[in-house]
Every structure is written in C-alpha cells, then in structure tokens.
Amino acid sequence: MAQKSAQKLSTGQEIEWQVASLGQEAQPWDRMQGESMLWYIRFEHYRLLGPKRSVGATWHDFMAREGVDVGTRRRPPRPWWENSRVWNWQERAEAWDMAELARLRREFAEEAKADKSERIRLLKAYRGKLIQALPQVDIKSAKFADLSAGIRMVVDQLRSEYDDQPTQRLDISEEEADAAIWRGLAELAARKESPILIDDPDRTE
C-alpha cells in the first residue's frame, strides 16, 4: 500500500503525495528517482489541473496560491519549462488521464452490471406475483387480460435483459396469447411444479 506523506508550502497549505512502497509497481505519475520534492509538488499541481492543463496555467495558479503577485507576466520562468521537459510532465500526466479513464470505465461497467442484476430480480419477482394472481381471476374478466398483458410485458423485458430477443417477432392475437398462458399454467400444474390448481371454466367433461 502506498505510503502517504505531506509537504507544507510557505502558505501552510499541505499537498499529499504518494511514494510507491517496496514491491509496488511504480506508476509514471509517481515521484521519480532524482526528482526534487519542490518540482514533484509542482508536477502534481500540473497533473491535477486536468486534461486542459498547461505549464503556464500551472505556474499562474501555483503562484496565486503562494500569494505571489506575478503582475502582467504571462509566461512562467525558464526553470518551469526546463523541469517540465526534463521530468516529462506531459507524458506522465497523460498516463494518469488514461488510467483514470480506465478506472471510470471499470466502475461504470460494474455499476451497469449491478443495475442489470437488480432489474432482472425485480422483473422475476413481478412475474411471480402476476402468475400467482392469474388462477384467482375469471379468465373472461378484464383483470385477467391485464394480468396476461403484464406477464407478456415482463417476459419481453426479461428477454431484452438476457439479449434473447427473437430474430423475427410473430404477431399473435390477445386470445392466442391468453390461450398460451393458460396452457403454460396447466402444464405447470400437471408437472406439480406449481401449487396452483387450474379449473378451466370452458372445459367440457
């Protein structure tokens, strides 16, 4: 684990910096061998300005934080340019940008995966409630049609979540869909996979 230290500036502000511990893979933005603490702190200031950073903007911001009035001077002194080149500020800061982008992509992918799992869990729970309610409703009632439509919606959503959409969608009537649902419930009851007993009012002995 990286060890944390802090260097106080003349204003009393503390900048935290990290030194890679023994055995830890060094990163381009870590303090380099031979790099003075002064110029490493200035590089950190440059890095944290973001992708639109520049040596000039870093110098102006750094001096302002130090309480130094640079007047109308626009360009930083030569040592700033020289050290930024010697210690590869641009390449090291860009390496940090790419690492941060990769980290954000990983976090986004993990969050999207977790959200998908939660949606699937809720859809399955909703489907279960709808199926449990079906046998308690008259097949010819409006409520039965609503429940059937709800089940079809949940099934479509689940197929979408599982990337299992049919390559060719077949249009069927509501009566055909209700009949298919009824057959499915009857099969479940026959296999004793459901505690629901089906009593088809249209069945003739």
N, C-alpha and C. Protein backbone atom coordinates (compact mmCIF):
# COMPACT_ATOMS: atom_id res chain seq x y z
N MET A 1 0.86 -1.19 0.00
CA MET A 1 0.00 0.00 0.00
C MET A 1 0.89 1.23 0.00
N ALA A 2 0.48 2.23 -0.75
CA ALA A 2 1.30 3.42 -0.86
C ALA A 2 1.34 4.15 0.47
N GLN A 3 2.51 4.68 0.79
CA GLN A 3 2.67 5.47 2.00
C GLN A 3 2.35 6.91 1.66
N LYS A 4 1.66 7.60 2.57
CA LYS A 4 1.29 8.99 2.33
C LYS A 4 2.15 9.91 3.20
N SER A 5 2.58 10.98 2.57
CA SER A 5 3.33 12.00 3.29
C SER A 5 2.78 13.34 2.87
N ALA A 6 3.27 14.43 3.43
CA ALA A 6 2.77 15.75 3.06
C ALA A 6 3.90 16.75 3.14
N GLN A 7 3.93 17.67 2.18
CA GLN A 7 4.92 18.73 2.16
C GLN A 7 4.20 20.05 2.34
N LYS A 8 4.59 20.83 3.35
CA LYS A 8 3.94 22.11 3.60
C LYS A 8 4.55 23.19 2.71
N LEU A 9 3.68 23.96 2.07
CA LEU A 9 4.13 25.10 1.30
C LEU A 9 4.28 26.28 2.24
N SER A 10 4.82 27.37 1.70
CA SER A 10 5.05 28.54 2.54
C SER A 10 3.73 29.12 3.03
N THR A 11 2.63 28.85 2.33
CA THR A 11 1.33 29.36 2.76
C THR A 11 0.71 28.50 3.84
N GLY A 12 1.34 27.37 4.17
CA GLY A 12 0.79 26.47 5.17
C GLY A 12 -0.07 25.40 4.54
N GLN A 13 -0.32 25.53 3.22
CA GLN A 13 -1.14 24.51 2.54
C GLN A 13 -0.37 23.21 2.47
N GLU A 14 -1.08 22.09 2.64
CA GLU A 14 -0.45 20.79 2.56
C GLU A 14 -0.88 20.08 1.29
N ILE A 15 0.08 19.53 0.59
CA ILE A 15 -0.21 18.73 -0.60
C ILE A 15 0.20 17.30 -0.29
N GLU A 16 -0.76 16.41 -0.38
CA GLU A 16 -0.45 15.00 -0.15
C GLU A 16 0.16 14.41 -1.40
N TRP A 17 1.13 13.58 -1.20
CA TRP A 17 1.74 12.90 -2.33
C TRP A 17 2.02 11.48 -1.92
N GLN A 18 2.19 10.62 -2.90
CA GLN A 18 2.37 9.20 -2.64
C GLN A 18 3.74 8.74 -3.13
N VAL A 19 4.33 7.87 -2.34
CA VAL A 19 5.59 7.24 -2.71
C VAL A 19 5.33 5.76 -2.79
N ALA A 20 5.61 5.15 -3.94
CA ALA A 20 5.35 3.73 -4.10
C ALA A 20 6.19 2.94 -3.12
N SER A 21 5.55 2.05 -2.37
CA SER A 21 6.26 1.24 -1.41
C SER A 21 7.03 0.14 -2.12
N LEU A 22 7.94 -0.50 -1.38
CA LEU A 22 8.74 -1.57 -1.96
C LEU A 22 7.83 -2.68 -2.44
N GLY A 23 8.07 -3.16 -3.64
CA GLY A 23 7.28 -4.25 -4.18
C GLY A 23 6.07 -3.78 -4.95
N GLN A 24 5.73 -2.49 -4.86
CA GLN A 24 4.59 -1.97 -5.60
C GLN A 24 5.06 -1.44 -6.94
N GLU A 25 4.30 -1.74 -7.98
CA GLU A 25 4.68 -1.29 -9.32
C GLU A 25 4.60 0.22 -9.39
N ALA A 26 5.69 0.84 -9.80
CA ALA A 26 5.73 2.30 -9.91
C ALA A 26 4.91 2.76 -11.10
N GLN A 27 4.24 3.89 -10.92
CA GLN A 27 3.44 4.47 -11.99
C GLN A 27 4.15 5.71 -12.53
N PRO A 28 3.89 6.05 -13.79
CA PRO A 28 4.58 7.20 -14.39
C PRO A 28 4.40 8.50 -13.60
N TRP A 29 3.26 8.64 -12.92
CA TRP A 29 3.00 9.89 -12.20
C TRP A 29 3.56 9.89 -10.78
N ASP A 30 4.15 8.76 -10.36
CA ASP A 30 4.81 8.74 -9.06
C ASP A 30 6.06 9.62 -9.09
N ARG A 31 6.53 9.97 -7.93
CA ARG A 31 7.76 10.74 -7.84
C ARG A 31 8.91 9.92 -8.40
N MET A 32 9.69 10.52 -9.29
CA MET A 32 10.76 9.81 -9.97
C MET A 32 12.08 9.94 -9.20
N GLN A 33 12.93 8.96 -9.41
CA GLN A 33 14.23 8.99 -8.74
C GLN A 33 15.00 10.23 -9.20
N GLY A 34 15.48 11.01 -8.25
CA GLY A 34 16.22 12.22 -8.55
C GLY A 34 15.36 13.46 -8.68
N GLU A 35 14.04 13.28 -8.68
CA GLU A 35 13.14 14.43 -8.80
C GLU A 35 12.99 15.09 -7.43
N SER A 36 13.27 16.37 -7.36
CA SER A 36 13.19 17.07 -6.08
C SER A 36 11.75 17.19 -5.62
N MET A 37 11.60 17.33 -4.30
CA MET A 37 10.26 17.48 -3.76
C MET A 37 9.58 18.73 -4.32
N LEU A 38 10.33 19.81 -4.49
CA LEU A 38 9.76 21.06 -4.99
C LEU A 38 9.13 20.86 -6.36
N TRP A 39 9.88 20.21 -7.27
CA TRP A 39 9.37 20.06 -8.62
C TRP A 39 8.34 18.94 -8.73
N TYR A 40 8.40 17.98 -7.82
CA TYR A 40 7.35 16.96 -7.82
C TYR A 40 6.02 17.57 -7.39
N ILE A 41 6.04 18.45 -6.38
CA ILE A 41 4.82 19.13 -5.94
C ILE A 41 4.26 19.99 -7.07
N ARG A 42 5.15 20.64 -7.82
CA ARG A 42 4.68 21.45 -8.93
C ARG A 42 4.11 20.58 -10.05
N PHE A 43 4.73 19.42 -10.27
CA PHE A 43 4.17 18.48 -11.25
C PHE A 43 2.79 18.01 -10.81
N GLU A 44 2.62 17.70 -9.52
CA GLU A 44 1.32 17.28 -9.00
C GLU A 44 0.27 18.36 -9.25
N HIS A 45 0.67 19.60 -9.06
CA HIS A 45 -0.24 20.71 -9.33
C HIS A 45 -0.64 20.71 -10.80
N TYR A 46 0.32 20.50 -11.66
CA TYR A 46 0.08 20.42 -13.11
C TYR A 46 -0.85 19.26 -13.44
N ARG A 47 -0.58 18.09 -12.88
CA ARG A 47 -1.38 16.89 -13.17
C ARG A 47 -2.84 17.09 -12.78
N LEU A 48 -3.06 17.67 -11.61
CA LEU A 48 -4.42 17.79 -11.08
C LEU A 48 -5.25 18.88 -11.75
N LEU A 49 -4.64 19.64 -12.67
CA LEU A 49 -5.41 20.63 -13.40
C LEU A 49 -6.29 20.00 -14.48
N GLY A 50 -6.05 18.73 -14.79
CA GLY A 50 -6.91 18.04 -15.76
C GLY A 50 -6.37 18.08 -17.17
N PRO A 51 -7.10 17.47 -18.10
CA PRO A 51 -6.62 17.32 -19.48
C PRO A 51 -6.29 18.64 -20.19
N LYS A 52 -6.90 19.74 -19.77
CA LYS A 52 -6.63 21.03 -20.41
C LYS A 52 -5.49 21.79 -19.74
N ARG A 53 -4.72 21.09 -18.96
CA ARG A 53 -3.62 21.68 -18.22
C ARG A 53 -2.55 22.28 -19.14
N SER A 54 -1.77 23.18 -18.60
CA SER A 54 -0.60 23.72 -19.30
C SER A 54 0.40 24.18 -18.26
N VAL A 55 1.65 24.29 -18.67
CA VAL A 55 2.69 24.75 -17.74
C VAL A 55 2.40 26.18 -17.30
N GLY A 56 1.98 27.02 -18.26
CA GLY A 56 1.68 28.41 -17.93
C GLY A 56 0.54 28.53 -16.93
N ALA A 57 -0.54 27.77 -17.14
CA ALA A 57 -1.68 27.81 -16.22
C ALA A 57 -1.28 27.30 -14.84
N THR A 58 -0.43 26.27 -14.82
CA THR A 58 0.04 25.72 -13.54
C THR A 58 0.84 26.76 -12.77
N TRP A 59 1.73 27.44 -13.48
CA TRP A 59 2.56 28.46 -12.84
C TRP A 59 1.70 29.58 -12.26
N HIS A 60 0.77 30.09 -13.05
CA HIS A 60 -0.09 31.18 -12.56
C HIS A 60 -0.88 30.74 -11.34
N ASP A 61 -1.48 29.54 -11.39
CA ASP A 61 -2.30 29.05 -10.28
C ASP A 61 -1.44 28.79 -9.05
N PHE A 62 -0.27 28.23 -9.28
CA PHE A 62 0.64 27.91 -8.18
C PHE A 62 1.10 29.18 -7.48
N MET A 63 1.50 30.19 -8.25
CA MET A 63 1.96 31.44 -7.67
C MET A 63 0.84 32.15 -6.91
N ALA A 64 -0.38 32.08 -7.46
CA ALA A 64 -1.52 32.71 -6.78
C ALA A 64 -1.76 32.04 -5.43
N ARG A 65 -1.66 30.72 -5.39
CA ARG A 65 -1.84 30.01 -4.12
C ARG A 65 -0.72 30.35 -3.13
N GLU A 66 0.46 30.67 -3.66
CA GLU A 66 1.59 31.05 -2.82
C GLU A 66 1.50 32.51 -2.37
N GLY A 67 0.55 33.22 -2.95
CA GLY A 67 0.42 34.64 -2.61
C GLY A 67 1.43 35.51 -3.32
N VAL A 68 1.98 35.02 -4.43
CA VAL A 68 2.99 35.77 -5.19
C VAL A 68 2.31 36.50 -6.33
N ASP A 69 2.48 37.80 -6.41
CA ASP A 69 1.90 38.60 -7.48
C ASP A 69 2.86 38.59 -8.67
N VAL A 70 2.41 38.01 -9.79
CA VAL A 70 3.28 37.94 -10.97
C VAL A 70 3.02 39.11 -11.91
N GLY A 71 2.14 40.00 -11.51
CA GLY A 71 1.87 41.19 -12.31
C GLY A 71 1.27 40.83 -13.65
N THR A 72 1.78 41.43 -14.71
CA THR A 72 1.25 41.21 -16.06
C THR A 72 2.02 40.12 -16.80
N ARG A 73 2.97 39.51 -16.12
CA ARG A 73 3.78 38.47 -16.77
C ARG A 73 2.89 37.28 -17.13
N ARG A 74 2.99 36.80 -18.35
CA ARG A 74 2.13 35.73 -18.82
C ARG A 74 2.85 34.38 -18.88
N ARG A 75 4.14 34.41 -19.16
CA ARG A 75 4.87 33.16 -19.31
C ARG A 75 5.67 32.85 -18.04
N PRO A 76 5.72 31.57 -17.64
CA PRO A 76 6.49 31.21 -16.45
C PRO A 76 7.99 31.33 -16.70
N PRO A 77 8.77 31.42 -15.64
CA PRO A 77 10.22 31.49 -15.80
C PRO A 77 10.78 30.24 -16.47
N ARG A 78 12.01 30.36 -17.00
CA ARG A 78 12.63 29.25 -17.73
C ARG A 78 12.71 27.97 -16.93
N PRO A 79 13.02 27.96 -15.62
CA PRO A 79 13.10 26.69 -14.88
C PRO A 79 11.83 25.85 -14.95
N TRP A 80 10.67 26.50 -15.04
CA TRP A 80 9.43 25.76 -15.15
C TRP A 80 9.39 24.97 -16.45
N TRP A 81 9.75 25.62 -17.55
CA TRP A 81 9.76 24.93 -18.84
C TRP A 81 10.81 23.82 -18.85
N GLU A 82 11.97 24.12 -18.33
CA GLU A 82 13.05 23.12 -18.35
C GLU A 82 12.69 21.89 -17.54
N ASN A 83 12.18 22.10 -16.33
CA ASN A 83 11.84 20.96 -15.48
C ASN A 83 10.64 20.18 -16.01
N SER A 84 9.72 20.88 -16.64
CA SER A 84 8.57 20.15 -17.21
C SER A 84 9.02 19.22 -18.32
N ARG A 85 10.08 19.62 -19.05
CA ARG A 85 10.61 18.74 -20.11
C ARG A 85 11.49 17.64 -19.53
N VAL A 86 12.35 18.01 -18.60
CA VAL A 86 13.27 17.02 -18.02
C VAL A 86 12.50 15.90 -17.34
N TRP A 87 11.42 16.26 -16.64
CA TRP A 87 10.65 15.26 -15.88
C TRP A 87 9.37 14.80 -16.60
N ASN A 88 9.31 15.10 -17.90
CA ASN A 88 8.24 14.55 -18.75
C ASN A 88 6.84 14.79 -18.17
N TRP A 89 6.56 16.01 -17.82
CA TRP A 89 5.26 16.31 -17.21
C TRP A 89 4.09 15.90 -18.10
N GLN A 90 4.16 16.24 -19.36
CA GLN A 90 3.03 15.97 -20.25
C GLN A 90 2.75 14.48 -20.35
N GLU A 91 3.81 13.67 -20.60
CA GLU A 91 3.61 12.23 -20.75
C GLU A 91 3.11 11.59 -19.47
N ARG A 92 3.63 12.02 -18.33
CA ARG A 92 3.22 11.44 -17.04
C ARG A 92 1.78 11.82 -16.70
N ALA A 93 1.42 13.07 -16.98
CA ALA A 93 0.05 13.49 -16.70
C ALA A 93 -0.94 12.79 -17.63
N GLU A 94 -0.56 12.59 -18.89
CA GLU A 94 -1.44 11.89 -19.83
C GLU A 94 -1.61 10.42 -19.43
N ALA A 95 -0.54 9.83 -18.89
CA ALA A 95 -0.65 8.45 -18.39
C ALA A 95 -1.65 8.39 -17.24
N TRP A 96 -1.65 9.41 -16.40
CA TRP A 96 -2.64 9.50 -15.31
C TRP A 96 -4.05 9.63 -15.88
N ASP A 97 -4.21 10.48 -16.90
CA ASP A 97 -5.53 10.66 -17.51
C ASP A 97 -6.07 9.33 -18.03
N MET A 98 -5.22 8.56 -18.73
CA MET A 98 -5.65 7.29 -19.30
C MET A 98 -6.01 6.29 -18.20
N ALA A 99 -5.23 6.28 -17.12
CA ALA A 99 -5.52 5.38 -16.00
C ALA A 99 -6.84 5.74 -15.34
N GLU A 100 -7.10 7.03 -15.19
CA GLU A 100 -8.36 7.48 -14.59
C GLU A 100 -9.54 7.12 -15.49
N LEU A 101 -9.35 7.27 -16.80
CA LEU A 101 -10.41 6.92 -17.75
C LEU A 101 -10.72 5.43 -17.67
N ALA A 102 -9.67 4.60 -17.59
CA ALA A 102 -9.88 3.15 -17.48
C ALA A 102 -10.59 2.80 -16.18
N ARG A 103 -10.22 3.48 -15.09
CA ARG A 103 -10.86 3.22 -13.80
C ARG A 103 -12.35 3.58 -13.85
N LEU A 104 -12.67 4.72 -14.45
CA LEU A 104 -14.06 5.15 -14.55
C LEU A 104 -14.87 4.19 -15.41
N ARG A 105 -14.24 3.67 -16.48
CA ARG A 105 -14.93 2.71 -17.33
C ARG A 105 -15.23 1.42 -16.57
N ARG A 106 -14.26 0.98 -15.77
CA ARG A 106 -14.48 -0.24 -14.97
C ARG A 106 -15.62 -0.02 -13.97
N GLU A 107 -15.59 1.12 -13.30
CA GLU A 107 -16.64 1.41 -12.32
C GLU A 107 -18.01 1.50 -12.99
N PHE A 108 -18.06 2.11 -14.19
CA PHE A 108 -19.32 2.22 -14.90
C PHE A 108 -19.84 0.83 -15.29
N ALA A 109 -18.91 -0.02 -15.78
CA ALA A 109 -19.32 -1.37 -16.19
C ALA A 109 -19.83 -2.17 -14.99
N GLU A 110 -19.16 -2.05 -13.85
CA GLU A 110 -19.59 -2.76 -12.65
C GLU A 110 -20.96 -2.26 -12.18
N GLU A 111 -21.14 -0.94 -12.23
CA GLU A 111 -22.43 -0.37 -11.81
C GLU A 111 -23.54 -0.80 -12.75
N ALA A 112 -23.25 -0.81 -14.07
CA ALA A 112 -24.25 -1.23 -15.05
C ALA A 112 -24.61 -2.70 -14.85
N LYS A 113 -23.63 -3.53 -14.53
CA LYS A 113 -23.89 -4.95 -14.29
C LYS A 113 -24.77 -5.14 -13.06
N ALA A 114 -24.47 -4.38 -12.00
CA ALA A 114 -25.26 -4.48 -10.78
C ALA A 114 -26.70 -4.00 -11.02
N ASP A 115 -26.84 -2.92 -11.79
CA ASP A 115 -28.19 -2.42 -12.10
C ASP A 115 -28.98 -3.44 -12.91
N LYS A 116 -28.31 -4.10 -13.85
CA LYS A 116 -28.99 -5.11 -14.66
C LYS A 116 -29.46 -6.27 -13.80
N SER A 117 -28.60 -6.73 -12.89
CA SER A 117 -28.99 -7.82 -11.99
C SER A 117 -30.20 -7.44 -11.15
N GLU A 118 -30.23 -6.19 -10.67
CA GLU A 118 -31.35 -5.74 -9.85
C GLU A 118 -32.63 -5.65 -10.69
N ARG A 119 -32.52 -5.19 -11.93
CA ARG A 119 -33.71 -5.13 -12.80
C ARG A 119 -34.26 -6.53 -13.04
N ILE A 120 -33.38 -7.48 -13.30
CA ILE A 120 -33.82 -8.86 -13.55
C ILE A 120 -34.49 -9.43 -12.30
N ARG A 121 -33.93 -9.14 -11.13
CA ARG A 121 -34.52 -9.65 -9.88
C ARG A 121 -35.92 -9.09 -9.69
N LEU A 122 -36.09 -7.80 -9.94
CA LEU A 122 -37.40 -7.17 -9.78
C LEU A 122 -38.41 -7.70 -10.81
N LEU A 123 -37.95 -7.89 -12.04
CA LEU A 123 -38.84 -8.42 -13.08
C LEU A 123 -39.31 -9.84 -12.74
N LYS A 124 -38.39 -10.66 -12.24
CA LYS A 124 -38.77 -12.02 -11.86
C LYS A 124 -39.76 -12.02 -10.70
N ALA A 125 -39.52 -11.13 -9.75
CA ALA A 125 -40.45 -11.04 -8.61
C ALA A 125 -41.83 -10.59 -9.08
N TYR A 126 -41.86 -9.63 -9.98
CA TYR A 126 -43.13 -9.14 -10.51
C TYR A 126 -43.84 -10.23 -11.30
N ARG A 127 -43.06 -10.96 -12.10
CA ARG A 127 -43.65 -12.06 -12.87
C ARG A 127 -44.26 -13.10 -11.95
N GLY A 128 -43.58 -13.42 -10.86
CA GLY A 128 -44.10 -14.40 -9.91
C GLY A 128 -45.42 -13.95 -9.30
N LYS A 129 -45.50 -12.66 -8.96
CA LYS A 129 -46.74 -12.14 -8.39
C LYS A 129 -47.89 -12.22 -9.39
N LEU A 130 -47.60 -11.90 -10.64
CA LEU A 130 -48.63 -11.95 -11.66
C LEU A 130 -49.14 -13.38 -11.89
N ILE A 131 -48.22 -14.32 -11.95
CA ILE A 131 -48.60 -15.71 -12.18
C ILE A 131 -49.43 -16.25 -11.01
N GLN A 132 -49.06 -15.88 -9.79
CA GLN A 132 -49.82 -16.31 -8.62
C GLN A 132 -51.23 -15.76 -8.64
N ALA A 133 -51.39 -14.56 -9.21
CA ALA A 133 -52.71 -13.91 -9.21
C ALA A 133 -53.62 -14.44 -10.31
N LEU A 134 -53.07 -15.02 -11.37
CA LEU A 134 -53.88 -15.44 -12.52
C LEU A 134 -55.01 -16.42 -12.18
N PRO A 135 -54.74 -17.53 -11.46
CA PRO A 135 -55.81 -18.50 -11.22
C PRO A 135 -56.95 -17.97 -10.35
N GLN A 136 -56.70 -16.84 -9.68
CA GLN A 136 -57.73 -16.30 -8.80
C GLN A 136 -58.68 -15.35 -9.54
N VAL A 137 -58.46 -15.21 -10.86
CA VAL A 137 -59.24 -14.26 -11.64
C VAL A 137 -59.99 -14.99 -12.74
N ASP A 138 -61.21 -14.58 -12.98
CA ASP A 138 -62.02 -15.15 -14.06
C ASP A 138 -61.32 -14.90 -15.39
N ILE A 139 -61.17 -15.97 -16.18
CA ILE A 139 -60.44 -15.86 -17.43
C ILE A 139 -61.09 -14.89 -18.40
N LYS A 140 -62.41 -14.66 -18.25
CA LYS A 140 -63.12 -13.77 -19.17
C LYS A 140 -63.18 -12.33 -18.66
N SER A 141 -62.58 -12.08 -17.52
CA SER A 141 -62.66 -10.74 -16.94
C SER A 141 -61.57 -9.84 -17.50
N ALA A 142 -61.80 -8.53 -17.33
CA ALA A 142 -60.81 -7.54 -17.79
C ALA A 142 -59.52 -7.65 -17.00
N LYS A 143 -59.63 -8.01 -15.72
CA LYS A 143 -58.44 -8.12 -14.89
C LYS A 143 -57.52 -9.23 -15.38
N PHE A 144 -58.12 -10.33 -15.87
CA PHE A 144 -57.31 -11.42 -16.39
C PHE A 144 -56.52 -10.94 -17.61
N ALA A 145 -57.17 -10.15 -18.46
CA ALA A 145 -56.48 -9.61 -19.64
C ALA A 145 -55.33 -8.70 -19.22
N ASP A 146 -55.55 -7.92 -18.18
CA ASP A 146 -54.49 -7.03 -17.68
C ASP A 146 -53.32 -7.85 -17.15
N LEU A 147 -53.62 -8.91 -16.39
CA LEU A 147 -52.56 -9.76 -15.86
C LEU A 147 -51.78 -10.43 -16.98
N SER A 148 -52.50 -10.91 -17.98
CA SER A 148 -51.84 -11.55 -19.12
C SER A 148 -50.92 -10.57 -19.84
N ALA A 149 -51.42 -9.36 -20.04
CA ALA A 149 -50.60 -8.34 -20.69
C ALA A 149 -49.36 -8.01 -19.85
N GLY A 150 -49.55 -7.99 -18.52
CA GLY A 150 -48.42 -7.74 -17.63
C GLY A 150 -47.36 -8.82 -17.74
N ILE A 151 -47.81 -10.07 -17.81
CA ILE A 151 -46.86 -11.19 -17.94
C ILE A 151 -46.11 -11.09 -19.26
N ARG A 152 -46.84 -10.78 -20.35
CA ARG A 152 -46.16 -10.64 -21.63
C ARG A 152 -45.12 -9.53 -21.59
N MET A 153 -45.46 -8.42 -20.94
CA MET A 153 -44.53 -7.30 -20.83
C MET A 153 -43.27 -7.71 -20.07
N VAL A 154 -43.47 -8.42 -18.94
CA VAL A 154 -42.33 -8.84 -18.12
C VAL A 154 -41.45 -9.82 -18.89
N VAL A 155 -42.08 -10.76 -19.60
CA VAL A 155 -41.31 -11.73 -20.39
C VAL A 155 -40.48 -11.01 -21.45
N ASP A 156 -41.08 -10.04 -22.13
CA ASP A 156 -40.35 -9.27 -23.14
C ASP A 156 -39.16 -8.53 -22.51
N GLN A 157 -39.39 -7.94 -21.34
CA GLN A 157 -38.33 -7.21 -20.67
C GLN A 157 -37.20 -8.14 -20.25
N LEU A 158 -37.56 -9.31 -19.75
CA LEU A 158 -36.53 -10.28 -19.35
C LEU A 158 -35.73 -10.76 -20.55
N ARG A 159 -36.41 -11.02 -21.65
CA ARG A 159 -35.69 -11.44 -22.85
C ARG A 159 -34.72 -10.35 -23.30
N SER A 160 -35.16 -9.11 -23.18
CA SER A 160 -34.28 -8.00 -23.54
C SER A 160 -33.06 -7.94 -22.62
N GLU A 161 -33.29 -8.14 -21.31
CA GLU A 161 -32.17 -8.11 -20.37
C GLU A 161 -31.18 -9.23 -20.65
N TYR A 162 -31.67 -10.38 -21.11
CA TYR A 162 -30.82 -11.52 -21.41
C TYR A 162 -30.34 -11.53 -22.86
N ASP A 163 -30.61 -10.42 -23.59
CA ASP A 163 -30.24 -10.34 -25.02
C ASP A 163 -30.78 -11.53 -25.78
N ASP A 164 -32.04 -11.87 -25.54
CA ASP A 164 -32.65 -13.06 -26.11
C ASP A 164 -33.89 -12.68 -26.93
N GLN A 165 -33.83 -11.53 -27.59
CA GLN A 165 -34.96 -11.13 -28.42
C GLN A 165 -35.03 -12.01 -29.66
N PRO A 166 -36.24 -12.40 -30.08
CA PRO A 166 -36.36 -13.24 -31.28
C PRO A 166 -35.92 -12.49 -32.52
N THR A 167 -35.28 -13.22 -33.45
CA THR A 167 -34.84 -12.58 -34.69
C THR A 167 -36.02 -12.16 -35.55
N GLN A 168 -37.15 -12.85 -35.40
CA GLN A 168 -38.36 -12.50 -36.14
C GLN A 168 -39.55 -12.57 -35.20
N ARG A 169 -40.15 -11.42 -34.92
CA ARG A 169 -41.28 -11.38 -34.00
C ARG A 169 -42.56 -11.78 -34.71
N LEU A 170 -43.32 -12.68 -34.11
CA LEU A 170 -44.60 -13.13 -34.66
C LEU A 170 -45.72 -12.39 -33.97
N ASP A 171 -46.60 -11.79 -34.75
CA ASP A 171 -47.76 -11.09 -34.20
C ASP A 171 -48.88 -12.10 -33.94
N ILE A 172 -49.33 -12.17 -32.70
CA ILE A 172 -50.44 -13.06 -32.36
C ILE A 172 -51.50 -12.24 -31.65
N SER A 173 -52.69 -12.73 -31.68
CA SER A 173 -53.80 -12.02 -31.06
C SER A 173 -53.75 -12.19 -29.55
N GLU A 174 -54.50 -11.33 -28.85
CA GLU A 174 -54.57 -11.44 -27.39
C GLU A 174 -55.19 -12.76 -26.98
N GLU A 175 -56.18 -13.24 -27.77
CA GLU A 175 -56.80 -14.52 -27.44
C GLU A 175 -55.79 -15.66 -27.53
N GLU A 176 -54.95 -15.62 -28.57
CA GLU A 176 -53.92 -16.66 -28.70
C GLU A 176 -52.90 -16.58 -27.57
N ALA A 177 -52.54 -15.36 -27.18
CA ALA A 177 -51.58 -15.18 -26.08
C ALA A 177 -52.17 -15.68 -24.77
N ASP A 178 -53.47 -15.36 -24.52
CA ASP A 178 -54.11 -15.83 -23.30
C ASP A 178 -54.20 -17.35 -23.27
N ALA A 179 -54.50 -17.94 -24.43
CA ALA A 179 -54.57 -19.40 -24.51
C ALA A 179 -53.21 -20.03 -24.21
N ALA A 180 -52.14 -19.39 -24.73
CA ALA A 180 -50.79 -19.91 -24.49
C ALA A 180 -50.45 -19.82 -23.00
N ILE A 181 -50.84 -18.72 -22.37
CA ILE A 181 -50.60 -18.58 -20.93
C ILE A 181 -51.37 -19.64 -20.16
N TRP A 182 -52.62 -19.85 -20.57
CA TRP A 182 -53.45 -20.86 -19.90
C TRP A 182 -52.82 -22.25 -20.01
N ARG A 183 -52.34 -22.58 -21.21
CA ARG A 183 -51.70 -23.88 -21.39
C ARG A 183 -50.45 -24.01 -20.53
N GLY A 184 -49.70 -22.92 -20.45
CA GLY A 184 -48.50 -22.95 -19.62
C GLY A 184 -48.81 -23.21 -18.17
N LEU A 185 -49.85 -22.55 -17.65
CA LEU A 185 -50.25 -22.77 -16.27
C LEU A 185 -50.73 -24.20 -16.05
N ALA A 186 -51.48 -24.74 -17.04
CA ALA A 186 -51.96 -26.11 -16.92
C ALA A 186 -50.80 -27.10 -16.90
N GLU A 187 -49.77 -26.83 -17.72
CA GLU A 187 -48.60 -27.72 -17.74
C GLU A 187 -47.86 -27.66 -16.42
N LEU A 188 -47.76 -26.47 -15.84
CA LEU A 188 -47.10 -26.34 -14.54
C LEU A 188 -47.84 -27.14 -13.48
N ALA A 189 -49.15 -27.02 -13.49
CA ALA A 189 -49.94 -27.76 -12.51
C ALA A 189 -49.81 -29.25 -12.72
N ALA A 190 -49.78 -29.69 -13.97
CA ALA A 190 -49.68 -31.11 -14.28
C ALA A 190 -48.36 -31.69 -13.81
N ARG A 191 -47.31 -30.90 -13.93
CA ARG A 191 -45.99 -31.38 -13.50
C ARG A 191 -45.76 -31.17 -12.01
N LYS A 192 -46.76 -30.60 -11.34
CA LYS A 192 -46.69 -30.31 -9.91
C LYS A 192 -45.52 -29.38 -9.59
N GLU A 193 -45.20 -28.51 -10.56
CA GLU A 193 -44.16 -27.52 -10.30
C GLU A 193 -44.76 -26.25 -9.71
N SER A 194 -46.10 -26.22 -9.64
CA SER A 194 -46.78 -25.07 -9.09
C SER A 194 -47.89 -25.54 -8.18
N PRO A 195 -48.10 -24.88 -7.06
CA PRO A 195 -49.19 -25.26 -6.16
C PRO A 195 -50.56 -24.84 -6.70
N ILE A 196 -50.59 -24.22 -7.88
CA ILE A 196 -51.83 -23.69 -8.43
C ILE A 196 -52.62 -24.80 -9.10
N LEU A 197 -53.90 -24.91 -8.81
CA LEU A 197 -54.78 -25.86 -9.46
C LEU A 197 -55.59 -25.11 -10.50
N ILE A 198 -55.61 -25.67 -11.71
CA ILE A 198 -56.27 -25.00 -12.81
C ILE A 198 -57.66 -25.58 -13.02
N ASP A 199 -58.64 -24.72 -13.05
CA ASP A 199 -60.01 -25.16 -13.32
C ASP A 199 -60.51 -24.33 -14.49
N ASP A 200 -60.41 -24.89 -15.70
CA ASP A 200 -60.80 -24.18 -16.90
C ASP A 200 -62.31 -24.15 -16.99
N PRO A 201 -62.93 -22.97 -16.93
CA PRO A 201 -64.40 -22.89 -16.96
C PRO A 201 -64.99 -23.32 -18.30
N ASP A 202 -64.17 -23.29 -19.37
CA ASP A 202 -64.67 -23.67 -20.68
C ASP A 202 -64.47 -25.15 -20.99
N ARG A 203 -63.89 -25.89 -20.03
CA ARG A 203 -63.60 -27.29 -20.29
C ARG A 203 -64.86 -28.11 -20.18
N THR A 204 -65.05 -29.05 -21.09
CA THR A 204 -66.19 -29.97 -21.05
C THR A 204 -65.71 -31.36 -20.73
N GLU A 205 -66.43 -32.03 -19.86
CA GLU A 205 -66.02 -33.39 -19.47
C GLU A 205 -66.42 -34.37 -20.58
